[in-house]
Amino acid sequence: MTLVQLKYAVTLEKVKNFALAAHELLIAQPTLSLQIQKLERSIGITIFDRTTNPISITNEGKEFLQQAR
């Protein structure tokens, strides 16, 4: 887990859209997706439910993001 990944996750939580978050972070959307996946693997939980539009945050993700902020 890196500080950059935490920043990406907090931004994604705020805008609830990968493309918009990537734009705000000035990175490519695939880069954001990959870093979020790496973060989720490293902590062993799913932070974001990608099946909804806009994306939603899992219960475990809410707890994690609260601590990340």
Protein backbone atom coordinates (compact mmCIF):
# COMPACT_ATOMS: atom_id res chain seq x y z
CA MET A 1 0.00 0.00 0.00
CA THR A 2 1.33 3.42 -0.95
CA LEU A 3 0.26 6.96 -0.19
CA VAL A 4 -0.44 7.44 -3.89
CA GLN A 5 -2.83 4.47 -3.88
CA LEU A 6 -4.59 5.91 -0.83
CA LYS A 7 -4.94 9.26 -2.60
CA TYR A 8 -6.39 7.50 -5.64
CA ALA A 9 -8.90 5.58 -3.50
CA VAL A 10 -10.05 8.68 -1.62
CA THR A 11 -10.50 10.59 -4.89
CA LEU A 12 -12.42 7.69 -6.42
CA GLU A 13 -14.65 7.58 -3.35
CA LYS A 14 -15.40 11.27 -3.84
CA VAL A 15 -16.34 11.19 -7.54
CA LYS A 16 -17.57 7.55 -7.79
CA ASN A 17 -16.41 7.22 -11.39
CA PHE A 18 -13.09 5.84 -12.63
CA ALA A 19 -12.86 8.11 -15.68
CA LEU A 20 -13.67 11.27 -13.74
CA ALA A 21 -11.31 10.35 -10.91
CA ALA A 22 -8.50 9.65 -13.37
CA HIS A 23 -9.13 13.01 -15.03
CA GLU A 24 -9.02 14.79 -11.67
CA LEU A 25 -5.82 12.96 -10.73
CA LEU A 26 -4.25 13.69 -14.13
CA ILE A 27 -3.60 10.01 -14.84
CA ALA A 28 -4.92 7.47 -17.34
CA GLN A 29 -8.01 5.50 -16.33
CA PRO A 30 -6.29 2.09 -16.77
CA THR A 31 -3.54 3.26 -14.39
CA LEU A 32 -6.13 4.18 -11.78
CA SER A 33 -7.92 0.84 -12.16
CA LEU A 34 -4.67 -1.10 -11.83
CA GLN A 35 -3.56 0.81 -8.73
CA ILE A 36 -6.95 0.33 -7.03
CA GLN A 37 -6.80 -3.40 -7.81
CA LYS A 38 -3.27 -3.59 -6.35
CA LEU A 39 -4.42 -1.73 -3.23
CA GLU A 40 -7.40 -4.06 -2.76
CA ARG A 41 -5.16 -7.12 -3.17
CA SER A 42 -2.60 -5.79 -0.70
CA ILE A 43 -5.19 -5.16 2.04
CA GLY A 44 -7.33 -8.19 1.25
CA ILE A 45 -10.69 -6.47 0.83
CA THR A 46 -12.81 -5.11 -1.99
CA ILE A 47 -13.19 -1.37 -1.51
CA PHE A 48 -15.37 -0.55 -4.51
CA ASP A 49 -18.33 -2.41 -6.01
CA ARG A 50 -17.75 -1.94 -9.71
CA THR A 51 -21.08 -3.54 -10.74
CA THR A 52 -23.07 -0.40 -9.95
CA ASN A 53 -23.10 2.88 -11.82
CA PRO A 54 -21.94 5.09 -10.21
CA ILE A 55 -19.63 2.73 -8.34
CA SER A 56 -20.47 2.12 -4.72
CA ILE A 57 -18.30 1.53 -1.70
CA THR A 58 -18.45 -1.75 0.20
CA ASN A 59 -18.93 -1.75 3.96
CA GLU A 60 -15.32 -2.83 4.43
CA GLY A 61 -14.29 -0.13 1.98
CA LYS A 62 -16.10 2.55 3.98
CA GLU A 63 -14.19 1.60 7.11
CA PHE A 64 -10.89 1.48 5.25
CA LEU A 65 -11.41 4.83 3.51
CA GLN A 66 -12.37 6.49 6.78
CA GLN A 67 -8.99 5.48 8.18
CA ALA A 68 -7.21 6.38 4.93
CA ARG A 69 -8.51 9.96 5.08
